[in-house]
């Protein structure tokens, strides 16, 4: 249900319905740690220094209506990543849907389906701030300077709050429930994904919409690239897509066999990791230059003109993408 890279990119933590959060080596896929909980894990995150993992899990009452278990409470767990030792545990009276560390690692924000978001001090477990929505809080994130929190809700709204004063700074609205929100690395923008099949980039201070990206299904997850120039989104249409943040232009598309629930960029921005209901988490290359370089390693020649027209069209003039490989010669001019 949730995945996150460690700050150095060497590890990934994932949380699932099997009541576990697990740490994996990024390059090998080897499991290095496992933390057991008393309910499904809906949210995971590394602390900024990589020493700790925060986990939001929901306590199952063992009652089931239809296909969905019923939760009577939720817990926020802080674990030491290397030793699997429990550092702190906080309790929430409703389903925990989102957790995030502050940039300095001293605080966490927890959002619940009861419409409240709480900011806790990690070392003491003390609550330092509480913000309220008109409906369940589905996603949360601190600004890079730690002064603000952005929250997304089931009511289709995105709120930016100042933590110290609890004042609302901006409010933005989708046409469906908001599933995911995050700040840009410079804190100037927010990107949100919604059940209205769109991901939208907003100006954090004013709430002005900057760009809109459209999927063929609900947008479950979004995040900015480390340089803030791109957004990656995951959707119920089984795709993860990379977009230009300023224009909303699609740059790359990756396909799963099920809904994509969460996506993140690696710290260097070269890779995207996506987790899907098809039971897989996958690491992708997405940068056009990298994809071209890899293709040129295995291609025997450049595209023919017919292939270029089929796959590239008139977006670019016909050319040798792989400079060291043969290319179809120019047509002989008719006398």
C-alpha atoms as a PDB file:
ATOM      1  CA  UNK A   1       0.000   0.000   0.000  1.00  0.00           C
ATOM      2  CA  UNK A   2       2.967   2.363   0.405  1.00  0.00           C
ATOM      3  CA  UNK A   3       6.660   2.522  -0.501  1.00  0.00           C
ATOM      4  CA  UNK A   4       9.495   4.993   0.143  1.00  0.00           C
ATOM      5  CA  UNK A   5      13.198   5.274  -0.667  1.00  0.00           C
ATOM      6  CA  UNK A   6      15.802   5.832   2.033  1.00  0.00           C
ATOM      7  CA  UNK A   7      17.532   9.234   1.680  1.00  0.00           C
ATOM      8  CA  UNK A   8      20.645   7.632   0.154  1.00  0.00           C
ATOM      9  CA  UNK A   9      18.585   5.546  -2.270  1.00  0.00           C
ATOM     10  CA  UNK A  10      20.090   2.253  -1.123  1.00  0.00           C
ATOM     11  CA  UNK A  11      16.912   0.903   0.486  1.00  0.00           C
ATOM     12  CA  UNK A  12      13.161   0.842  -0.059  1.00  0.00           C
ATOM     13  CA  UNK A  13      10.556   0.339   2.666  1.00  0.00           C
ATOM     14  CA  UNK A  14       7.161  -1.090   1.732  1.00  0.00           C
ATOM     15  CA  UNK A  15       3.976  -1.613   3.729  1.00  0.00           C
ATOM     16  CA  UNK A  16       1.172  -4.064   2.983  1.00  0.00           C
ATOM     17  CA  UNK A  17      -2.054  -5.754   3.964  1.00  0.00           C
ATOM     18  CA  UNK A  18      -0.047  -8.601   5.542  1.00  0.00           C
ATOM     19  CA  UNK A  19       0.564  -6.407   8.655  1.00  0.00           C
ATOM     20  CA  UNK A  20       4.244  -5.899   7.850  1.00  0.00           C
ATOM     21  CA  UNK A  21       6.604  -3.119   6.833  1.00  0.00           C
ATOM     22  CA  UNK A  22       9.702  -4.479   5.119  1.00  0.00           C
ATOM     23  CA  UNK A  23      13.050  -2.935   4.143  1.00  0.00           C
ATOM     24  CA  UNK A  24      14.693  -4.062   0.896  1.00  0.00           C
ATOM     25  CA  UNK A  25      18.010  -3.396  -0.849  1.00  0.00           C
ATOM     26  CA  UNK A  26      17.169  -1.345  -3.928  1.00  0.00           C
ATOM     27  CA  UNK A  27      19.613  -2.976  -6.346  1.00  0.00           C
ATOM     28  CA  UNK A  28      19.244  -6.611  -5.248  1.00  0.00           C
ATOM     29  CA  UNK A  29      15.684  -6.820  -3.917  1.00  0.00           C
ATOM     30  CA  UNK A  30      16.996  -8.596  -0.792  1.00  0.00           C
ATOM     31  CA  UNK A  31      14.903  -8.134   2.357  1.00  0.00           C
ATOM     32  CA  UNK A  32      16.996  -6.626   5.192  1.00  0.00           C
ATOM     33  CA  UNK A  33      14.403  -5.937   7.891  1.00  0.00           C
ATOM     34  CA  UNK A  34      10.792  -6.732   8.772  1.00  0.00           C
ATOM     35  CA  UNK A  35       8.553  -4.976  11.311  1.00  0.00           C
ATOM     36  CA  UNK A  36       5.365  -6.740  12.460  1.00  0.00           C
ATOM     37  CA  UNK A  37       2.178  -4.819  13.314  1.00  0.00           C
ATOM     38  CA  UNK A  38      -1.308  -5.694  14.501  1.00  0.00           C
ATOM     39  CA  UNK A  39      -3.063  -4.445  11.369  1.00  0.00           C
ATOM     40  CA  UNK A  40      -2.591  -3.524   7.732  1.00  0.00           C
ATOM     41  CA  UNK A  41       0.172  -1.000   6.989  1.00  0.00           C
ATOM     42  CA  UNK A  42      -1.162   1.954   5.010  1.00  0.00           C
ATOM     43  CA  UNK A  43       1.706   4.444   5.189  1.00  0.00           C
ATOM     44  CA  UNK A  44       5.522   4.276   5.524  1.00  0.00           C
ATOM     45  CA  UNK A  45       8.361   6.816   5.438  1.00  0.00           C
ATOM     46  CA  UNK A  46      12.082   7.080   6.245  1.00  0.00           C
ATOM     47  CA  UNK A  47      13.334   9.849   8.508  1.00  0.00           C
ATOM     48  CA  UNK A  48      15.526  12.417   6.691  1.00  0.00           C
ATOM     49  CA  UNK A  49      18.692  10.886   8.170  1.00  0.00           C
ATOM     50  CA  UNK A  50      17.606   7.354   7.237  1.00  0.00           C
ATOM     51  CA  UNK A  51      17.875   6.043  10.798  1.00  0.00           C
ATOM     52  CA  UNK A  52      14.171   5.633  11.471  1.00  0.00           C
ATOM     53  CA  UNK A  53      11.055   4.390   9.737  1.00  0.00           C
ATOM     54  CA  UNK A  54       7.588   5.641  10.547  1.00  0.00           C
ATOM     55  CA  UNK A  55       4.637   3.316   9.976  1.00  0.00           C
ATOM     56  CA  UNK A  56       0.907   3.937  10.093  1.00  0.00           C
ATOM     57  CA  UNK A  57      -1.077   0.776  10.761  1.00  0.00           C
ATOM     58  CA  UNK A  58      -4.722   0.114  11.517  1.00  0.00           C
ATOM     59  CA  UNK A  59      -5.884  -2.217  14.262  1.00  0.00           C
ATOM     60  CA  UNK A  60      -8.340  -4.801  12.964  1.00  0.00           C
ATOM     61  CA  UNK A  61     -11.397  -5.578  15.106  1.00  0.00           C
ATOM     62  CA  UNK A  62     -11.610  -8.950  13.312  1.00  0.00           C
ATOM     63  CA  UNK A  63     -15.069  -7.967  12.052  1.00  0.00           C
ATOM     64  CA  UNK A  64     -15.519  -7.950   8.300  1.00  0.00           C
ATOM     65  CA  UNK A  65     -18.361  -6.397   6.321  1.00  0.00           C
ATOM     66  CA  UNK A  66     -18.312  -7.477   2.671  1.00  0.00           C
ATOM     67  CA  UNK A  67     -14.646  -7.483   1.670  1.00  0.00           C
ATOM     68  CA  UNK A  68     -13.469  -4.739   4.038  1.00  0.00           C
ATOM     69  CA  UNK A  69     -12.227  -5.220   7.625  1.00  0.00           C
ATOM     70  CA  UNK A  70     -13.372  -2.742  10.268  1.00  0.00           C
ATOM     71  CA  UNK A  71     -10.747  -0.852  12.283  1.00  0.00           C
ATOM     72  CA  UNK A  72     -11.416   0.414  15.800  1.00  0.00           C
ATOM     73  CA  UNK A  73      -8.156   2.344  16.188  1.00  0.00           C
ATOM     74  CA  UNK A  74      -4.839   3.083  14.508  1.00  0.00           C
ATOM     75  CA  UNK A  75      -1.244   3.356  15.613  1.00  0.00           C
ATOM     76  CA  UNK A  76       1.774   5.338  14.560  1.00  0.00           C
ATOM     77  CA  UNK A  77       4.991   3.341  15.001  1.00  0.00           C
ATOM     78  CA  UNK A  78       8.566   4.649  14.851  1.00  0.00           C
ATOM     79  CA  UNK A  79      11.195   1.951  14.265  1.00  0.00           C
ATOM     80  CA  UNK A  80      14.991   1.984  14.114  1.00  0.00           C
ATOM     81  CA  UNK A  81      15.733   0.941  10.533  1.00  0.00           C
ATOM     82  CA  UNK A  82      18.953  -1.010  11.225  1.00  0.00           C
ATOM     83  CA  UNK A  83      17.880  -2.931  14.339  1.00  0.00           C
ATOM     84  CA  UNK A  84      14.077  -3.157  13.925  1.00  0.00           C
ATOM     85  CA  UNK A  85      13.844  -1.744  17.463  1.00  0.00           C
ATOM     86  CA  UNK A  86      10.651   0.100  18.415  1.00  0.00           C
ATOM     87  CA  UNK A  87      11.367   3.743  19.329  1.00  0.00           C
ATOM     88  CA  UNK A  88       7.884   5.195  19.892  1.00  0.00           C
ATOM     89  CA  UNK A  89       4.202   4.417  19.398  1.00  0.00           C
ATOM     90  CA  UNK A  90       1.264   6.813  19.272  1.00  0.00           C
ATOM     91  CA  UNK A  91      -2.457   5.945  19.054  1.00  0.00           C
ATOM     92  CA  UNK A  92      -5.146   7.557  16.906  1.00  0.00           C
ATOM     93  CA  UNK A  93      -8.875   6.981  17.393  1.00  0.00           C
ATOM     94  CA  UNK A  94      -9.615   6.409  13.705  1.00  0.00           C
ATOM     95  CA  UNK A  95      -8.045   4.964  10.570  1.00  0.00           C
ATOM     96  CA  UNK A  96      -4.561   6.346   9.844  1.00  0.00           C
ATOM     97  CA  UNK A  97      -4.354   7.161   6.147  1.00  0.00           C
ATOM     98  CA  UNK A  98      -1.103   9.155   5.915  1.00  0.00           C
ATOM     99  CA  UNK A  99       2.154   9.829   7.815  1.00  0.00           C
ATOM    100  CA  UNK A 100       5.105  12.119   7.017  1.00  0.00           C
ATOM    101  CA  UNK A 101       8.327  13.255   8.732  1.00  0.00           C
ATOM    102  CA  UNK A 102       9.289  16.897   9.020  1.00  0.00           C
ATOM    103  CA  UNK A 103      12.537  17.742   7.160  1.00  0.00           C
ATOM    104  CA  UNK A 104      14.508  17.851  10.417  1.00  0.00           C
ATOM    105  CA  UNK A 105      13.084  14.499  11.527  1.00  0.00           C
ATOM    106  CA  UNK A 106      11.825  15.904  14.858  1.00  0.00           C
ATOM    107  CA  UNK A 107       8.112  15.809  14.039  1.00  0.00           C
ATOM    108  CA  UNK A 108       5.598  13.679  12.183  1.00  0.00           C
ATOM    109  CA  UNK A 109       2.203  14.545  10.796  1.00  0.00           C
ATOM    110  CA  UNK A 110      -0.545  11.945  10.898  1.00  0.00           C
ATOM    111  CA  UNK A 111      -3.808  12.213   8.963  1.00  0.00           C
ATOM    112  CA  UNK A 112      -6.918  10.226   9.770  1.00  0.00           C
ATOM    113  CA  UNK A 113     -10.236   9.427   8.168  1.00  0.00           C
ATOM    114  CA  UNK A 114     -11.939  11.232  11.064  1.00  0.00           C
ATOM    115  CA  UNK A 115     -10.985  14.518   9.374  1.00  0.00           C
ATOM    116  CA  UNK A 116      -8.126  15.452  11.691  1.00  0.00           C
ATOM    117  CA  UNK A 117      -4.380  15.790  11.189  1.00  0.00           C
ATOM    118  CA  UNK A 118      -2.010  15.756  14.167  1.00  0.00           C
ATOM    119  CA  UNK A 119       1.613  16.904  14.391  1.00  0.00           C
ATOM    120  CA  UNK A 120       3.565  14.891  16.976  1.00  0.00           C
ATOM    121  CA  UNK A 121       7.041  15.299  18.453  1.00  0.00           C
ATOM    122  CA  UNK A 122       8.854  12.038  17.739  1.00  0.00           C
ATOM    123  CA  UNK A 123      11.043  11.985  20.858  1.00  0.00           C
ATOM    124  CA  UNK A 124       8.193  12.531  23.331  1.00  0.00           C
ATOM    125  CA  UNK A 125       5.049  11.509  21.475  1.00  0.00           C
ATOM    126  CA  UNK A 126       3.512  14.885  22.431  1.00  0.00           C
ATOM    127  CA  UNK A 127       0.970  16.513  20.123  1.00  0.00           C
ATOM    128  CA  UNK A 128       2.064  20.022  19.056  1.00  0.00           C
ATOM    129  CA  UNK A 129      -0.643  20.903  16.492  1.00  0.00           C
ATOM    130  CA  UNK A 130      -4.010  19.724  15.186  1.00  0.00           C
ATOM    131  CA  UNK A 131      -5.785  20.710  11.948  1.00  0.00           C
ATOM    132  CA  UNK A 132      -9.338  19.788  10.934  1.00  0.00           C
ATOM    133  CA  UNK A 133     -10.983  19.023   7.579  1.00  0.00           C
ATOM    134  CA  UNK A 134     -14.665  18.651   6.726  1.00  0.00           C
ATOM    135  CA  UNK A 135     -14.000  15.018   5.793  1.00  0.00           C
ATOM    136  CA  UNK A 136     -11.279  12.391   6.056  1.00  0.00           C
ATOM    137  CA  UNK A 137      -7.642  13.403   5.565  1.00  0.00           C
ATOM    138  CA  UNK A 138      -6.116  11.161   2.916  1.00  0.00           C
ATOM    139  CA  UNK A 139      -2.621  12.610   2.356  1.00  0.00           C
ATOM    140  CA  UNK A 140      -0.133  14.898   4.081  1.00  0.00           C
ATOM    141  CA  UNK A 141       3.321  16.421   3.659  1.00  0.00           C
ATOM    142  CA  UNK A 142       5.565  18.987   5.324  1.00  0.00           C
ATOM    143  CA  UNK A 143       7.044  21.847   3.329  1.00  0.00           C
ATOM    144  CA  UNK A 144      10.845  21.637   2.875  1.00  0.00           C
ATOM    145  CA  UNK A 145      11.378  24.284   5.589  1.00  0.00           C
ATOM    146  CA  UNK A 146       9.025  22.463   7.991  1.00  0.00           C
ATOM    147  CA  UNK A 147       6.854  25.553   8.546  1.00  0.00           C
ATOM    148  CA  UNK A 148       3.823  24.361   6.593  1.00  0.00           C
ATOM    149  CA  UNK A 149       1.762  21.221   6.126  1.00  0.00           C
ATOM    150  CA  UNK A 150      -0.341  20.365   3.074  1.00  0.00           C
ATOM    151  CA  UNK A 151      -3.333  18.069   3.517  1.00  0.00           C
ATOM    152  CA  UNK A 152      -5.649  16.421   1.000  1.00  0.00           C
ATOM    153  CA  UNK A 153      -9.153  15.266   1.847  1.00  0.00           C
ATOM    154  CA  UNK A 154     -12.069  13.109   0.818  1.00  0.00           C
ATOM    155  CA  UNK A 155     -14.052  16.326   0.348  1.00  0.00           C
ATOM    156  CA  UNK A 156     -11.968  17.160  -2.753  1.00  0.00           C
ATOM    157  CA  UNK A 157      -9.995  19.950  -1.096  1.00  0.00           C
ATOM    158  CA  UNK A 158      -6.276  20.615  -0.622  1.00  0.00           C
ATOM    159  CA  UNK A 159      -5.333  22.789   2.369  1.00  0.00           C
ATOM    160  CA  UNK A 160      -1.996  24.436   3.163  1.00  0.00           C
ATOM    161  CA  UNK A 161      -1.573  25.181   6.891  1.00  0.00           C
ATOM    162  CA  UNK A 162       1.049  27.074   8.895  1.00  0.00           C
ATOM    163  CA  UNK A 163       2.039  24.662  11.670  1.00  0.00           C
ATOM    164  CA  UNK A 164       2.955  27.205  14.371  1.00  0.00           C
ATOM    165  CA  UNK A 165      -0.260  29.231  14.089  1.00  0.00           C
ATOM    166  CA  UNK A 166      -2.631  26.538  12.677  1.00  0.00           C
ATOM    167  CA  UNK A 167      -3.706  29.208  10.149  1.00  0.00           C
ATOM    168  CA  UNK A 168      -4.951  28.103   6.721  1.00  0.00           C
ATOM    169  CA  UNK A 169      -2.764  29.671   4.009  1.00  0.00           C
ATOM    170  CA  UNK A 170      -4.461  28.369   0.840  1.00  0.00           C
ATOM    171  CA  UNK A 171      -7.268  26.064  -0.234  1.00  0.00           C
ATOM    172  CA  UNK A 172      -7.560  24.342  -3.620  1.00  0.00           C
ATOM    173  CA  UNK A 173     -10.406  22.201  -4.963  1.00  0.00           C
ATOM    174  CA  UNK A 174     -10.647  19.100  -7.170  1.00  0.00           C
ATOM    175  CA  UNK A 175     -13.790  17.555  -8.670  1.00  0.00           C
ATOM    176  CA  UNK A 176     -13.260  14.359  -6.689  1.00  0.00           C
ATOM    177  CA  UNK A 177     -11.633  13.114  -3.499  1.00  0.00           C
ATOM    178  CA  UNK A 178      -7.946  14.004  -3.109  1.00  0.00           C
ATOM    179  CA  UNK A 179      -5.758  10.912  -2.783  1.00  0.00           C
ATOM    180  CA  UNK A 180      -2.269  12.405  -2.599  1.00  0.00           C
ATOM    181  CA  UNK A 181      -0.448  15.714  -2.014  1.00  0.00           C
ATOM    182  CA  UNK A 182       3.192  16.831  -1.797  1.00  0.00           C
ATOM    183  CA  UNK A 183       5.289  20.021  -1.856  1.00  0.00           C
ATOM    184  CA  UNK A 184       7.869  20.787  -4.518  1.00  0.00           C
ATOM    185  CA  UNK A 185      11.501  20.712  -3.313  1.00  0.00           C
ATOM    186  CA  UNK A 186      11.603  24.531  -3.106  1.00  0.00           C
ATOM    187  CA  UNK A 187       8.250  24.709  -1.280  1.00  0.00           C
ATOM    188  CA  UNK A 188       6.694  27.048  -3.844  1.00  0.00           C
ATOM    189  CA  UNK A 189       4.311  24.509  -5.351  1.00  0.00           C
ATOM    190  CA  UNK A 190       2.029  21.658  -4.362  1.00  0.00           C
ATOM    191  CA  UNK A 191       0.995  18.748  -6.565  1.00  0.00           C
ATOM    192  CA  UNK A 192      -2.172  16.798  -5.828  1.00  0.00           C
ATOM    193  CA  UNK A 193      -3.829  13.721  -7.336  1.00  0.00           C
ATOM    194  CA  UNK A 194      -7.539  13.020  -7.286  1.00  0.00           C
ATOM    195  CA  UNK A 195     -10.351  10.635  -8.021  1.00  0.00           C
ATOM    196  CA  UNK A 196     -11.330  13.071 -10.787  1.00  0.00           C
ATOM    197  CA  UNK A 197      -8.519  11.438 -12.852  1.00  0.00           C
ATOM    198  CA  UNK A 198      -6.263  14.502 -12.673  1.00  0.00           C
ATOM    199  CA  UNK A 199      -2.988  15.503 -11.077  1.00  0.00           C
ATOM    200  CA  UNK A 200      -2.650  19.266 -10.621  1.00  0.00           C
ATOM    201  CA  UNK A 201       0.237  21.588  -9.785  1.00  0.00           C
ATOM    202  CA  UNK A 202      -0.696  24.582  -7.615  1.00  0.00           C
ATOM    203  CA  UNK A 203       1.076  27.657  -6.292  1.00  0.00           C
ATOM    204  CA  UNK A 204       1.296  26.966  -2.559  1.00  0.00           C
ATOM    205  CA  UNK A 205       0.941  30.559  -1.360  1.00  0.00           C
ATOM    206  CA  UNK A 206      -2.012  31.538  -3.558  1.00  0.00           C
ATOM    207  CA  UNK A 207      -3.715  28.281  -4.558  1.00  0.00           C
ATOM    208  CA  UNK A 208      -3.412  29.209  -8.258  1.00  0.00           C
ATOM    209  CA  UNK A 209      -3.470  26.221 -10.639  1.00  0.00           C
ATOM    210  CA  UNK A 210      -0.265  25.987 -12.707  1.00  0.00           C
ATOM    211  CA  UNK A 211      -0.682  22.719 -14.659  1.00  0.00           C
ATOM    212  CA  UNK A 212      -3.148  19.867 -15.016  1.00  0.00           C
ATOM    213  CA  UNK A 213      -2.310  16.274 -16.052  1.00  0.00           C
ATOM    214  CA  UNK A 214      -5.011  13.741 -16.970  1.00  0.00           C
ATOM    215  CA  UNK A 215      -5.058   9.953 -16.549  1.00  0.00           C
ATOM    216  CA  UNK A 216      -7.680   7.420 -17.636  1.00  0.00           C
ATOM    217  CA  UNK A 217      -8.359   6.514 -14.007  1.00  0.00           C
ATOM    218  CA  UNK A 218      -8.120   7.854 -10.478  1.00  0.00           C
ATOM    219  CA  UNK A 219      -4.720   9.382  -9.623  1.00  0.00           C
ATOM    220  CA  UNK A 220      -3.573   7.543  -6.504  1.00  0.00           C
ATOM    221  CA  UNK A 221      -0.088   8.971  -5.964  1.00  0.00           C
ATOM    222  CA  UNK A 222       2.096  11.908  -7.072  1.00  0.00           C
ATOM    223  CA  UNK A 223       5.542  13.264  -6.256  1.00  0.00           C
ATOM    224  CA  UNK A 224       7.984  15.872  -7.607  1.00  0.00           C
ATOM    225  CA  UNK A 225      11.413  14.961  -8.943  1.00  0.00           C
ATOM    226  CA  UNK A 226      14.332  16.102  -6.747  1.00  0.00           C
ATOM    227  CA  UNK A 227      14.952  19.121  -9.011  1.00  0.00           C
ATOM    228  CA  UNK A 228      11.245  20.031  -9.057  1.00  0.00           C
ATOM    229  CA  UNK A 229      11.037  20.013 -12.867  1.00  0.00           C
ATOM    230  CA  UNK A 230       8.957  16.851 -13.178  1.00  0.00           C
ATOM    231  CA  UNK A 231       6.034  15.083 -11.525  1.00  0.00           C
ATOM    232  CA  UNK A 232       5.452  11.332 -11.489  1.00  0.00           C
ATOM    233  CA  UNK A 233       1.920  10.057 -10.951  1.00  0.00           C
ATOM    234  CA  UNK A 234       0.405   6.609 -10.477  1.00  0.00           C
ATOM    235  CA  UNK A 235      -3.158   5.735 -11.410  1.00  0.00           C
ATOM    236  CA  UNK A 236      -5.952   3.216 -11.388  1.00  0.00           C
ATOM    237  CA  UNK A 237      -5.436   3.024 -15.158  1.00  0.00           C
ATOM    238  CA  UNK A 238      -2.420   0.777 -14.383  1.00  0.00           C
ATOM    239  CA  UNK A 239       0.162   3.369 -15.422  1.00  0.00           C
ATOM    240  CA  UNK A 240       2.844   5.519 -13.836  1.00  0.00           C
ATOM    241  CA  UNK A 241       3.576   8.650 -15.869  1.00  0.00           C
ATOM    242  CA  UNK A 242       6.219  11.371 -15.755  1.00  0.00           C
ATOM    243  CA  UNK A 243       5.150  14.931 -16.634  1.00  0.00           C
ATOM    244  CA  UNK A 244       6.765  18.356 -16.961  1.00  0.00           C
ATOM    245  CA  UNK A 245       5.633  20.206 -13.843  1.00  0.00           C
ATOM    246  CA  UNK A 246       5.368  23.627 -15.485  1.00  0.00           C
ATOM    247  CA  UNK A 247       3.460  22.558 -18.616  1.00  0.00           C
ATOM    248  CA  UNK A 248       1.772  19.253 -17.784  1.00  0.00           C
ATOM    249  CA  UNK A 249       3.369  17.634 -20.863  1.00  0.00           C
ATOM    250  CA  UNK A 250       3.754  13.827 -20.614  1.00  0.00           C
ATOM    251  CA  UNK A 251       7.398  12.689 -20.825  1.00  0.00           C
ATOM    252  CA  UNK A 252       7.309   8.955 -20.026  1.00  0.00           C
ATOM    253  CA  UNK A 253       4.809   6.180 -19.303  1.00  0.00           C
ATOM    254  CA  UNK A 254       5.314   2.869 -17.443  1.00  0.00           C
ATOM    255  CA  UNK A 255       2.670   0.120 -17.348  1.00  0.00           C
ATOM    256  CA  UNK A 256       1.697  -2.384 -14.637  1.00  0.00           C
ATOM    257  CA  UNK A 257      -0.899  -5.170 -14.678  1.00  0.00           C
ATOM    258  CA  UNK A 258      -2.902  -3.508 -11.905  1.00  0.00           C
ATOM    259  CA  UNK A 259      -3.640  -0.158 -10.299  1.00  0.00           C
ATOM    260  CA  UNK A 260      -0.509   1.812  -9.316  1.00  0.00           C
ATOM    261  CA  UNK A 261      -0.845   2.805  -5.653  1.00  0.00           C
ATOM    262  CA  UNK A 262       2.382   4.665  -4.964  1.00  0.00           C
ATOM    263  CA  UNK A 263       5.369   6.119  -6.833  1.00  0.00           C
ATOM    264  CA  UNK A 264       8.609   7.851  -5.828  1.00  0.00           C
ATOM    265  CA  UNK A 265      11.721   9.197  -7.548  1.00  0.00           C
ATOM    266  CA  UNK A 266      15.128   7.970  -6.451  1.00  0.00           C
ATOM    267  CA  UNK A 267      17.186  10.696  -4.704  1.00  0.00           C
ATOM    268  CA  UNK A 268      19.238  11.327  -7.875  1.00  0.00           C
ATOM    269  CA  UNK A 269      16.085  11.510 -10.015  1.00  0.00           C
ATOM    270  CA  UNK A 270      17.293   8.831 -12.461  1.00  0.00           C
ATOM    271  CA  UNK A 271      14.788   6.168 -11.461  1.00  0.00           C
ATOM    272  CA  UNK A 272      11.120   5.818 -10.555  1.00  0.00           C
ATOM    273  CA  UNK A 273       9.872   3.084  -8.236  1.00  0.00           C
ATOM    274  CA  UNK A 274       6.211   2.118  -8.479  1.00  0.00           C
ATOM    275  CA  UNK A 275       4.092  -0.271  -6.434  1.00  0.00           C
ATOM    276  CA  UNK A 276       0.956  -1.858  -7.829  1.00  0.00           C
ATOM    277  CA  UNK A 277      -2.009  -4.063  -6.994  1.00  0.00           C
ATOM    278  CA  UNK A 278      -0.423  -6.583  -9.373  1.00  0.00           C
ATOM    279  CA  UNK A 279       1.788  -7.491  -6.392  1.00  0.00           C
ATOM    280  CA  UNK A 280       4.994  -5.941  -7.695  1.00  0.00           C
ATOM    281  CA  UNK A 281       7.199  -2.978  -6.905  1.00  0.00           C
ATOM    282  CA  UNK A 282       9.291  -2.032  -9.952  1.00  0.00           C
ATOM    283  CA  UNK A 283      12.277   0.263 -10.516  1.00  0.00           C
ATOM    284  CA  UNK A 284      12.241   2.058 -13.899  1.00  0.00           C
ATOM    285  CA  UNK A 285      14.565   4.177 -15.992  1.00  0.00           C
ATOM    286  CA  UNK A 286      12.545   7.068 -17.393  1.00  0.00           C
ATOM    287  CA  UNK A 287      14.906   9.811 -18.612  1.00  0.00           C
ATOM    288  CA  UNK A 288      14.703   9.988 -22.440  1.00  0.00           C
ATOM    289  CA  UNK A 289      18.501  10.177 -22.840  1.00  0.00           C
ATOM    290  CA  UNK A 290      18.981   7.034 -20.712  1.00  0.00           C
ATOM    291  CA  UNK A 291      16.283   5.139 -22.615  1.00  0.00           C
ATOM    292  CA  UNK A 292      17.829   6.124 -25.947  1.00  0.00           C
ATOM    293  CA  UNK A 293      21.324   5.119 -24.797  1.00  0.00           C
ATOM    294  CA  UNK A 294      20.093   1.684 -23.677  1.00  0.00           C
ATOM    295  CA  UNK A 295      18.142   1.184 -26.901  1.00  0.00           C
ATOM    296  CA  UNK A 296      21.223   2.043 -28.947  1.00  0.00           C
ATOM    297  CA  UNK A 297      23.178  -0.685 -27.158  1.00  0.00           C
ATOM    298  CA  UNK A 298      20.890  -3.422 -28.524  1.00  0.00           C
ATOM    299  CA  UNK A 299      19.627  -1.935 -31.801  1.00  0.00           C
ATOM    300  CA  UNK A 300      21.379  -3.112 -35.014  1.00  0.00           C
ATOM    301  CA  UNK A 301      20.476   0.135 -36.836  1.00  0.00           C
ATOM    302  CA  UNK A 302      18.525   3.364 -36.544  1.00  0.00           C
ATOM    303  CA  UNK A 303      14.804   3.516 -37.293  1.00  0.00           C
ATOM    304  CA  UNK A 304      13.762   3.492 -40.935  1.00  0.00           C
ATOM    305  CA  UNK A 305      11.680   6.401 -42.219  1.00  0.00           C
ATOM    306  CA  UNK A 306       8.542   4.258 -42.045  1.00  0.00           C
ATOM    307  CA  UNK A 307       9.299   3.283 -38.436  1.00  0.00           C
ATOM    308  CA  UNK A 308      10.069   6.903 -37.554  1.00  0.00           C
ATOM    309  CA  UNK A 309       6.714   8.013 -38.960  1.00  0.00           C
ATOM    310  CA  UNK A 310       4.972   5.252 -36.990  1.00  0.00           C
ATOM    311  CA  UNK A 311       6.617   5.823 -33.592  1.00  0.00           C
ATOM    312  CA  UNK A 312       7.857   9.428 -33.652  1.00  0.00           C
ATOM    313  CA  UNK A 313       5.693  11.115 -36.283  1.00  0.00           C
ATOM    314  CA  UNK A 314       6.402  14.737 -37.119  1.00  0.00           C
ATOM    315  CA  UNK A 315       7.387  15.707 -33.587  1.00  0.00           C
ATOM    316  CA  UNK A 316      11.055  15.601 -34.709  1.00  0.00           C
ATOM    317  CA  UNK A 317      12.696  15.478 -38.155  1.00  0.00           C
ATOM    318  CA  UNK A 318      14.035  12.095 -39.261  1.00  0.00           C
ATOM    319  CA  UNK A 319      17.539  11.658 -37.835  1.00  0.00           C
ATOM    320  CA  UNK A 320      20.162   9.228 -36.508  1.00  0.00           C
ATOM    321  CA  UNK A 321      19.250   8.888 -32.832  1.00  0.00           C
ATOM    322  CA  UNK A 322      22.076   6.368 -32.420  1.00  0.00           C
ATOM    323  CA  UNK A 323      25.042   8.146 -34.078  1.00  0.00           C
ATOM    324  CA  UNK A 324      27.213   5.024 -34.354  1.00  0.00           C
ATOM    325  CA  UNK A 325      24.583   2.896 -36.135  1.00  0.00           C
ATOM    326  CA  UNK A 326      23.498   2.782 -39.793  1.00  0.00           C
ATOM    327  CA  UNK A 327      20.630   4.993 -40.946  1.00  0.00           C
ATOM    328  CA  UNK A 328      18.464   4.866 -44.059  1.00  0.00           C
ATOM    329  CA  UNK A 329      20.036   7.022 -46.777  1.00  0.00           C
ATOM    330  CA  UNK A 330      18.431  10.178 -48.096  1.00  0.00           C
ATOM    331  CA  UNK A 331      16.130   9.552 -51.078  1.00  0.00           C
ATOM    332  CA  UNK A 332      17.748  10.262 -54.438  1.00  0.00           C
ATOM    333  CA  UNK A 333      16.335  13.490 -55.903  1.00  0.00           C
ATOM    334  CA  UNK A 334      14.236  13.008 -59.016  1.00  0.00           C
ATOM    335  CA  UNK A 335      15.826  14.766 -62.085  1.00  0.00           C
END
